[in-house]
Amino acid sequence: MTTATPGTPALAQPELIVILDEEARPALTDIFANGCVRIIDCQDVGELSSIGDDPILIDVDLHDISKVKLIKDNLPDRTGDLCTIIAVDRGSHLSVVQAKSLGATDVLGRPVNRHELANCLRRHASDTPIGFDRDALKGEPGGASIVSAAIELNRMFKGLSSGRALDWASVEQSGHQVLDAIAEVGLAQWLDTVRRYHESTFQHCLIVTGIATAFGRNTGMRRSDVLTLTLAGLLHDVGKAEIPLRILDKPGKLTDEEFTCIKKHPGIGYHYLRDQNTVSDDILRAVRHHHEYLDGSGYPDGLLAQSIDDLTRIMTVCDIYGALVEQRAYKAPKSPAAAMDILISMAEQGKLEYGLVAALGRCVAT
């Protein structure tokens, strides 16, 4: 372990893990003299297999197939967007191909330049969900499931923007964790934990996921149907990955132009998920139509009641309630009672199904 020299800023936090061979070690000595890193020799199989989710830099001779195979066979699965930076020989197509086969999220030319590396690490750090403190969060009620769900949201949002495929098995696993956690700690406590650790779009997605899960459980649905609701909650706003933050987080009323932009997110999410060929049709419909109202005044398709299925109707109610009770920097959350009054009014106007609103009211009261 190399620690930072007093008075000199560390290269990156969290800890950077560097996997190298003897050839690369001399070139990297100066770069990491003042950085907080963990050095692993690429031949050390035991150390390779113990690597977690920290960012890694791999700097080995990628023309040596035995080294590439050793790393590939022993490095834990880093699917998603875990920071995996691999140094390649400049101008070598083979090096780039081998780097991609090792799961590179970024490639840097050899010898590695300190400033390019620092910029790369900062870019990945900025992609971390706001307020995301894994260790602290895991100790909170339902915290481990919230960590898992937030990681999946982060991967989905980045995947949509980059065109990367969705890891459906991982999303489903996260859904099961959320379902079990809410069964254990209850909705109110789970939502309180979310609010303490997340804000903005991620907080909203997590809150809606929790509400949808609790709705399914409290209305006596089968576990498979509750899981479908949970997954729809996680996925429903993935299209917001393409909406500018200045619009998503705007504290005041949106202009007509800004509202036109934000109305694109259901369609964006729908098309991304449809192209994965792993997401069920009912979840796809919920993603596209969760802003539709029974009277035809919603978006993006202006559907009427007969064209809106049950899952979508539930998601719409959960989404509106979630938006009302979420906490934003520019607005206090509404109380459950105040949020329910708004939903009841919308049901009386013919926009929402009254029976579902009443069922949600019983759920949040519990």
Protein backbone atom coordinates (compact mmCIF):
# COMPACT_ATOMS: atom_id res chain seq x y z
CA MET A 1 0.00 0.00 0.00
CA THR A 2 1.30 3.43 -0.93
CA THR A 3 -0.02 6.37 1.06
CA ALA A 4 -0.06 10.04 0.18
CA THR A 5 2.85 12.22 1.15
CA PRO A 6 1.81 14.80 3.80
CA GLY A 7 0.70 18.04 2.20
CA THR A 8 0.21 16.44 -1.21
CA PRO A 9 -3.29 15.65 -2.47
CA ALA A 10 -4.01 11.98 -3.10
CA LEU A 11 -4.44 10.96 -6.72
CA ALA A 12 -7.98 9.69 -6.25
CA GLN A 13 -10.59 8.60 -3.77
CA PRO A 14 -11.87 5.96 -3.32
CA GLU A 15 -8.71 3.89 -3.35
CA LEU A 16 -7.30 3.15 -6.79
CA ILE A 17 -6.13 -0.41 -7.39
CA VAL A 18 -3.27 -0.76 -9.87
CA ILE A 19 -2.62 -4.11 -11.54
CA LEU A 20 0.78 -4.14 -13.20
CA ASP A 21 3.69 -6.27 -14.33
CA GLU A 22 7.37 -5.70 -13.69
CA GLU A 23 7.74 -3.96 -17.04
CA ALA A 24 5.22 -1.29 -16.08
CA ARG A 25 6.33 -0.79 -12.47
CA PRO A 26 9.22 1.66 -13.14
CA ALA A 27 7.08 3.87 -15.39
CA LEU A 28 4.34 4.13 -12.76
CA THR A 29 6.58 4.81 -9.77
CA ASP A 30 6.55 8.59 -10.19
CA ILE A 31 2.82 8.77 -10.88
CA PHE A 32 1.88 7.04 -7.65
CA ALA A 33 4.57 8.43 -5.39
CA ASN A 34 2.04 10.87 -3.97
CA GLY A 35 -1.14 8.87 -4.57
CA CYS A 36 -3.29 6.62 -2.41
CA VAL A 37 -3.17 3.32 -4.27
CA ARG A 38 -3.02 -0.43 -3.79
CA ILE A 39 -0.49 -2.16 -6.03
CA ILE A 40 -1.15 -5.72 -7.20
CA ASP A 41 1.20 -7.78 -9.35
CA CYS A 42 -0.73 -9.34 -12.22
CA GLN A 43 0.71 -12.75 -11.29
CA ASP A 44 -0.80 -12.60 -7.78
CA VAL A 45 -3.95 -14.63 -8.38
CA GLY A 46 -5.17 -14.38 -4.78
CA GLU A 47 -5.01 -10.59 -4.77
CA LEU A 48 -6.72 -10.35 -8.16
CA SER A 49 -9.65 -12.46 -7.00
CA SER A 50 -10.17 -10.27 -3.90
CA ILE A 51 -10.72 -7.01 -5.81
CA GLY A 52 -14.05 -5.34 -5.08
CA ASP A 53 -15.79 -2.35 -6.66
CA ASP A 54 -12.96 0.20 -6.35
CA PRO A 55 -11.64 1.79 -9.56
CA ILE A 56 -8.78 -0.16 -11.11
CA LEU A 57 -5.96 0.61 -13.53
CA ILE A 58 -4.49 -2.32 -15.45
CA ASP A 59 -1.07 -1.64 -16.94
CA VAL A 60 0.49 -4.82 -18.28
CA ASP A 61 1.90 -6.03 -21.59
CA LEU A 62 -1.34 -6.80 -23.42
CA HIS A 63 0.60 -8.61 -26.14
CA ASP A 64 1.42 -11.28 -23.56
CA ILE A 65 -1.63 -13.53 -23.90
CA SER A 66 -0.76 -15.44 -20.72
CA LYS A 67 -1.02 -12.23 -18.65
CA VAL A 68 -4.30 -11.24 -20.27
CA LYS A 69 -5.74 -14.71 -19.62
CA LEU A 70 -4.52 -14.68 -16.00
CA ILE A 71 -6.30 -11.39 -15.32
CA LYS A 72 -9.44 -12.40 -17.21
CA ASP A 73 -9.70 -15.72 -15.35
CA ASN A 74 -9.18 -14.28 -11.86
CA LEU A 75 -10.54 -10.73 -11.84
CA PRO A 76 -14.08 -10.72 -10.35
CA ASP A 77 -16.96 -9.84 -12.65
CA ARG A 78 -17.08 -6.07 -13.21
CA THR A 79 -20.28 -5.89 -15.25
CA GLY A 80 -22.05 -2.56 -15.26
CA ASP A 81 -19.92 0.56 -15.10
CA LEU A 82 -17.28 -0.11 -12.46
CA CYS A 83 -14.28 2.02 -13.33
CA THR A 84 -11.83 -0.21 -15.22
CA ILE A 85 -9.03 1.78 -16.86
CA ILE A 86 -6.60 -0.14 -19.03
CA ALA A 87 -3.32 1.18 -20.43
CA VAL A 88 -2.66 0.29 -24.07
CA ASP A 89 0.30 0.68 -26.37
CA ARG A 90 -0.37 3.71 -28.53
CA GLY A 91 -1.24 2.76 -32.08
CA SER A 92 -1.70 -0.93 -31.24
CA HIS A 93 -5.08 -2.24 -32.35
CA LEU A 94 -4.41 -5.57 -30.60
CA SER A 95 -3.89 -3.79 -27.27
CA VAL A 96 -7.24 -2.03 -27.60
CA VAL A 97 -9.00 -5.29 -28.49
CA GLN A 98 -7.48 -7.02 -25.46
CA ALA A 99 -8.42 -4.07 -23.23
CA LYS A 100 -12.05 -4.31 -24.35
CA SER A 101 -12.03 -8.05 -23.72
CA LEU A 102 -10.97 -7.30 -20.13
CA GLY A 103 -13.98 -4.99 -19.69
CA ALA A 104 -12.28 -1.62 -20.09
CA THR A 105 -14.51 1.36 -19.42
CA ASP A 106 -11.63 3.62 -20.49
CA VAL A 107 -8.28 3.18 -22.23
CA LEU A 108 -5.20 5.35 -21.71
CA GLY A 109 -2.00 5.31 -23.75
CA ARG A 110 1.21 3.96 -22.29
CA PRO A 111 3.08 5.35 -20.51
CA VAL A 112 0.15 6.52 -18.38
CA ASN A 113 -0.07 10.27 -17.95
CA ARG A 114 -0.96 11.37 -14.41
CA HIS A 115 -3.29 14.16 -15.51
CA GLU A 116 -5.16 11.98 -18.00
CA LEU A 117 -5.60 9.35 -15.29
CA ALA A 118 -6.83 11.90 -12.75
CA ASN A 119 -9.34 13.31 -15.24
CA CYS A 120 -10.60 9.82 -16.01
CA LEU A 121 -11.10 9.03 -12.32
CA ARG A 122 -12.86 12.33 -11.70
CA ARG A 123 -15.24 11.63 -14.55
CA HIS A 124 -16.20 8.28 -13.05
CA ALA A 125 -16.52 9.79 -9.57
CA SER A 126 -18.97 12.37 -10.94
CA ASP A 127 -21.17 9.51 -12.18
CA THR A 128 -21.67 8.20 -8.64
CA PRO A 129 -25.25 8.78 -7.41
CA ILE A 130 -25.60 11.90 -5.28
CA GLY A 131 -25.25 11.19 -1.58
CA PHE A 132 -24.15 7.63 -2.22
CA ASP A 133 -22.20 6.37 0.81
CA ARG A 134 -22.31 2.59 0.52
CA ASP A 135 -20.80 1.66 3.87
CA ALA A 136 -22.97 4.02 5.91
CA LEU A 137 -26.10 3.22 3.93
CA LYS A 138 -25.73 -0.54 4.34
CA GLY A 139 -26.04 -0.08 8.11
CA GLU A 140 -29.43 1.64 7.81
CA PRO A 141 -32.86 -0.10 7.73
CA GLY A 142 -33.22 -1.57 4.25
CA GLY A 143 -29.92 0.01 3.33
CA ALA A 144 -28.35 -2.91 1.50
CA SER A 145 -31.33 -3.11 -0.86
CA ILE A 146 -31.16 0.64 -1.49
CA VAL A 147 -27.45 0.36 -2.31
CA SER A 148 -28.24 -2.41 -4.78
CA ALA A 149 -31.13 -0.50 -6.38
CA ALA A 150 -29.11 2.72 -6.66
CA ILE A 151 -26.24 0.89 -8.33
CA GLU A 152 -28.65 -0.57 -10.87
CA LEU A 153 -30.20 2.85 -11.50
CA ASN A 154 -26.74 4.30 -12.06
CA ARG A 155 -25.86 1.52 -14.49
CA MET A 156 -29.15 1.90 -16.36
CA PHE A 157 -28.87 5.67 -16.70
CA LYS A 158 -25.28 5.43 -17.93
CA GLY A 159 -26.13 2.44 -20.11
CA LEU A 160 -28.90 4.31 -21.89
CA SER A 161 -26.59 7.24 -22.60
CA SER A 162 -23.74 5.01 -23.82
CA GLY A 163 -25.82 2.36 -25.59
CA ARG A 164 -24.63 -0.38 -23.25
CA ALA A 165 -26.83 -3.45 -22.80
CA LEU A 166 -29.00 -3.85 -19.72
CA ASP A 167 -27.98 -6.62 -17.29
CA TRP A 168 -31.51 -7.91 -16.66
CA ALA A 169 -30.47 -10.65 -14.24
CA SER A 170 -28.78 -8.06 -12.04
CA VAL A 171 -31.84 -5.78 -12.17
CA GLU A 172 -34.09 -8.68 -11.14
CA GLN A 173 -31.80 -9.60 -8.28
CA SER A 174 -31.93 -6.02 -7.03
CA GLY A 175 -35.74 -6.11 -7.28
CA HIS A 176 -35.87 -9.18 -5.05
CA GLN A 177 -33.68 -7.41 -2.48
CA VAL A 178 -35.99 -4.40 -2.39
CA LEU A 179 -39.05 -6.61 -2.03
CA ASP A 180 -37.52 -8.53 0.88
CA ALA A 181 -36.27 -5.38 2.59
CA ILE A 182 -39.66 -3.66 2.53
CA ALA A 183 -41.26 -6.82 3.85
CA GLU A 184 -38.77 -6.71 6.72
CA VAL A 185 -38.57 -3.01 7.68
CA GLY A 186 -41.78 -1.57 6.23
CA LEU A 187 -42.34 1.15 3.66
CA ALA A 188 -42.05 4.18 5.94
CA GLN A 189 -38.66 3.21 7.32
CA TRP A 190 -37.37 2.25 3.87
CA LEU A 191 -38.43 5.62 2.43
CA ASP A 192 -36.85 7.49 5.34
CA THR A 193 -33.55 5.80 4.56
CA VAL A 194 -33.84 6.71 0.88
CA ARG A 195 -34.46 10.37 1.72
CA ARG A 196 -31.40 10.55 3.97
CA TYR A 197 -29.05 9.26 1.31
CA HIS A 198 -30.44 10.26 -2.10
CA GLU A 199 -31.91 13.26 -3.80
CA SER A 200 -33.14 14.42 -7.19
CA THR A 201 -34.04 11.85 -9.87
CA PHE A 202 -32.51 8.89 -8.04
CA GLN A 203 -34.51 9.65 -4.90
CA HIS A 204 -37.69 9.79 -6.96
CA CYS A 205 -37.00 6.48 -8.72
CA LEU A 206 -36.24 4.74 -5.44
CA ILE A 207 -39.29 6.19 -3.68
CA VAL A 208 -41.61 5.11 -6.50
CA THR A 209 -40.00 1.66 -6.47
CA GLY A 210 -40.64 1.33 -2.73
CA ILE A 211 -44.23 2.56 -2.99
CA ALA A 212 -45.02 0.21 -5.88
CA THR A 213 -43.52 -2.72 -3.96
CA ALA A 214 -45.53 -1.92 -0.83
CA PHE A 215 -48.69 -1.46 -2.92
CA GLY A 216 -48.31 -4.95 -4.37
CA ARG A 217 -47.59 -6.55 -1.00
CA ASN A 218 -50.42 -4.79 0.84
CA THR A 219 -53.01 -5.64 -1.81
CA GLY A 220 -52.18 -9.34 -1.62
CA MET A 221 -50.50 -9.84 -4.97
CA ARG A 222 -48.40 -12.90 -5.71
CA ARG A 223 -44.67 -12.40 -5.26
CA SER A 224 -44.08 -12.58 -9.01
CA ASP A 225 -46.57 -9.74 -9.58
CA VAL A 226 -45.08 -7.66 -6.77
CA LEU A 227 -41.65 -8.14 -8.34
CA THR A 228 -43.03 -6.90 -11.66
CA LEU A 229 -44.26 -3.75 -9.93
CA THR A 230 -40.87 -3.32 -8.23
CA LEU A 231 -39.01 -3.64 -11.52
CA ALA A 232 -41.41 -1.25 -13.25
CA GLY A 233 -40.67 1.24 -10.50
CA LEU A 234 -36.92 0.90 -10.98
CA LEU A 235 -37.19 1.27 -14.75
CA HIS A 236 -39.99 3.79 -15.16
CA ASP A 237 -37.87 6.95 -15.42
CA VAL A 238 -34.72 5.60 -17.08
CA GLY A 239 -35.45 7.85 -20.06
CA LYS A 240 -34.56 10.85 -17.89
CA ALA A 241 -30.93 9.91 -18.52
CA GLU A 242 -31.26 11.94 -21.73
CA ILE A 243 -32.98 14.97 -20.15
CA PRO A 244 -30.65 17.85 -19.14
CA LEU A 245 -30.19 18.25 -15.38
CA ARG A 246 -31.00 21.95 -15.65
CA ILE A 247 -34.53 20.87 -16.59
CA LEU A 248 -34.86 17.88 -14.25
CA ASP A 249 -33.71 19.88 -11.24
CA LYS A 250 -35.22 23.24 -12.12
CA PRO A 251 -36.81 24.69 -8.96
CA GLY A 252 -39.39 26.83 -10.72
CA LYS A 253 -42.12 26.20 -13.27
CA LEU A 254 -40.95 24.69 -16.55
CA THR A 255 -41.31 26.70 -19.74
CA ASP A 256 -43.35 25.19 -22.57
CA GLU A 257 -40.12 24.28 -24.34
CA GLU A 258 -38.70 22.62 -21.20
CA PHE A 259 -41.91 20.68 -20.61
CA THR A 260 -41.88 19.48 -24.22
CA CYS A 261 -38.36 18.19 -23.58
CA ILE A 262 -39.21 16.39 -20.35
CA LYS A 263 -42.25 14.75 -21.98
CA LYS A 264 -39.82 12.81 -24.17
CA HIS A 265 -38.48 10.70 -21.29
CA PRO A 266 -41.14 7.93 -21.32
CA GLY A 267 -40.53 7.30 -25.01
CA ILE A 268 -36.76 7.40 -24.63
CA GLY A 269 -36.88 4.86 -21.81
CA TYR A 270 -39.35 2.66 -23.66
CA HIS A 271 -37.24 2.45 -26.83
CA TYR A 272 -34.03 1.72 -24.90
CA LEU A 273 -35.66 -1.06 -22.87
CA ARG A 274 -37.56 -2.51 -25.84
CA ASP A 275 -34.29 -2.87 -27.75
CA GLN A 276 -32.85 -4.99 -24.91
CA ASN A 277 -35.27 -7.85 -25.75
CA THR A 278 -35.32 -8.85 -22.06
CA VAL A 279 -38.00 -6.59 -20.56
CA SER A 280 -41.61 -7.85 -20.50
CA ASP A 281 -44.31 -6.07 -22.50
CA ASP A 282 -46.27 -5.06 -19.40
CA ILE A 283 -43.23 -3.31 -17.91
CA LEU A 284 -42.49 -1.66 -21.27
CA ARG A 285 -46.06 -0.30 -21.37
CA ALA A 286 -45.75 0.99 -17.82
CA VAL A 287 -42.51 2.80 -18.71
CA ARG A 288 -44.03 4.43 -21.78
CA HIS A 289 -47.45 5.25 -20.32
CA HIS A 290 -46.95 6.07 -16.62
CA HIS A 291 -47.86 9.71 -17.37
CA GLU A 292 -51.11 8.84 -19.16
CA TYR A 293 -54.46 9.74 -17.51
CA LEU A 294 -57.77 7.95 -17.89
CA ASP A 295 -59.40 11.04 -19.43
CA GLY A 296 -56.84 11.27 -22.25
CA SER A 297 -55.05 14.36 -20.89
CA GLY A 298 -51.72 12.62 -20.21
CA TYR A 299 -48.62 12.06 -22.36
CA PRO A 300 -46.90 10.94 -24.55
CA ASP A 301 -49.77 9.27 -26.44
CA GLY A 302 -52.91 10.83 -24.95
CA LEU A 303 -54.42 7.42 -24.19
CA LEU A 304 -57.95 6.94 -22.86
CA ALA A 305 -58.90 4.59 -20.05
CA GLN A 306 -59.66 1.57 -22.24
CA SER A 307 -56.09 1.66 -23.60
CA ILE A 308 -54.34 1.81 -20.22
CA ASP A 309 -53.65 -1.52 -18.51
CA ASP A 310 -53.75 -2.25 -14.79
CA LEU A 311 -49.98 -2.24 -14.18
CA THR A 312 -49.65 1.16 -15.83
CA ARG A 313 -52.56 2.57 -13.82
CA ILE A 314 -50.89 1.43 -10.60
CA MET A 315 -47.54 2.89 -11.65
CA THR A 316 -49.16 6.22 -12.47
CA VAL A 317 -50.70 6.47 -9.00
CA CYS A 318 -47.42 5.44 -7.33
CA ASP A 319 -45.41 7.85 -9.49
CA ILE A 320 -47.58 10.85 -8.62
CA TYR A 321 -47.61 10.01 -4.92
CA GLY A 322 -43.82 9.53 -5.00
CA ALA A 323 -43.29 12.93 -6.63
CA LEU A 324 -45.45 14.60 -3.98
CA VAL A 325 -43.72 13.06 -0.95
CA GLU A 326 -40.14 13.22 -2.22
CA GLN A 327 -37.77 15.76 -0.72
CA ARG A 328 -36.04 18.25 -3.01
CA ALA A 329 -33.62 21.05 -2.26
CA TYR A 330 -36.22 23.61 -3.33
CA LYS A 331 -39.36 22.05 -1.81
CA ALA A 332 -40.41 20.25 1.33
CA PRO A 333 -42.10 16.88 0.91
CA LYS A 334 -45.87 16.82 1.27
CA SER A 335 -47.27 14.76 4.11
CA PRO A 336 -48.87 11.42 3.17
CA ALA A 337 -52.30 12.89 3.98
CA ALA A 338 -51.77 15.96 1.79
CA ALA A 339 -50.44 13.81 -1.06
CA MET A 340 -53.47 11.52 -0.81
CA ASP A 341 -55.83 14.51 -0.92
CA ILE A 342 -54.30 15.50 -4.27
CA LEU A 343 -54.61 11.97 -5.63
CA ILE A 344 -58.23 11.73 -4.51
CA SER A 345 -58.98 15.02 -6.26
CA MET A 346 -57.38 13.71 -9.46
CA ALA A 347 -59.47 10.54 -9.20
CA GLU A 348 -62.62 12.60 -8.78
CA GLN A 349 -61.66 14.51 -11.95
CA GLY A 350 -61.50 11.21 -13.83
CA LYS A 351 -57.74 11.15 -14.28
CA LEU A 352 -56.92 8.25 -11.95
CA GLU A 353 -58.73 5.06 -10.95
CA TYR A 354 -60.38 5.75 -7.61
CA GLY A 355 -60.07 2.17 -6.37
CA LEU A 356 -56.30 2.20 -6.86
CA VAL A 357 -55.98 5.56 -5.10
CA ALA A 358 -57.98 4.21 -2.17
CA ALA A 359 -55.80 1.08 -2.05
CA LEU A 360 -52.66 3.23 -2.01
CA GLY A 361 -54.15 5.29 0.82
CA ARG A 362 -54.57 2.15 2.91
CA CYS A 363 -51.06 1.07 2.01
CA VAL A 364 -49.31 4.29 3.11
CA ALA A 365 -51.49 4.52 6.22
CA THR A 366 -50.24 1.06 7.22
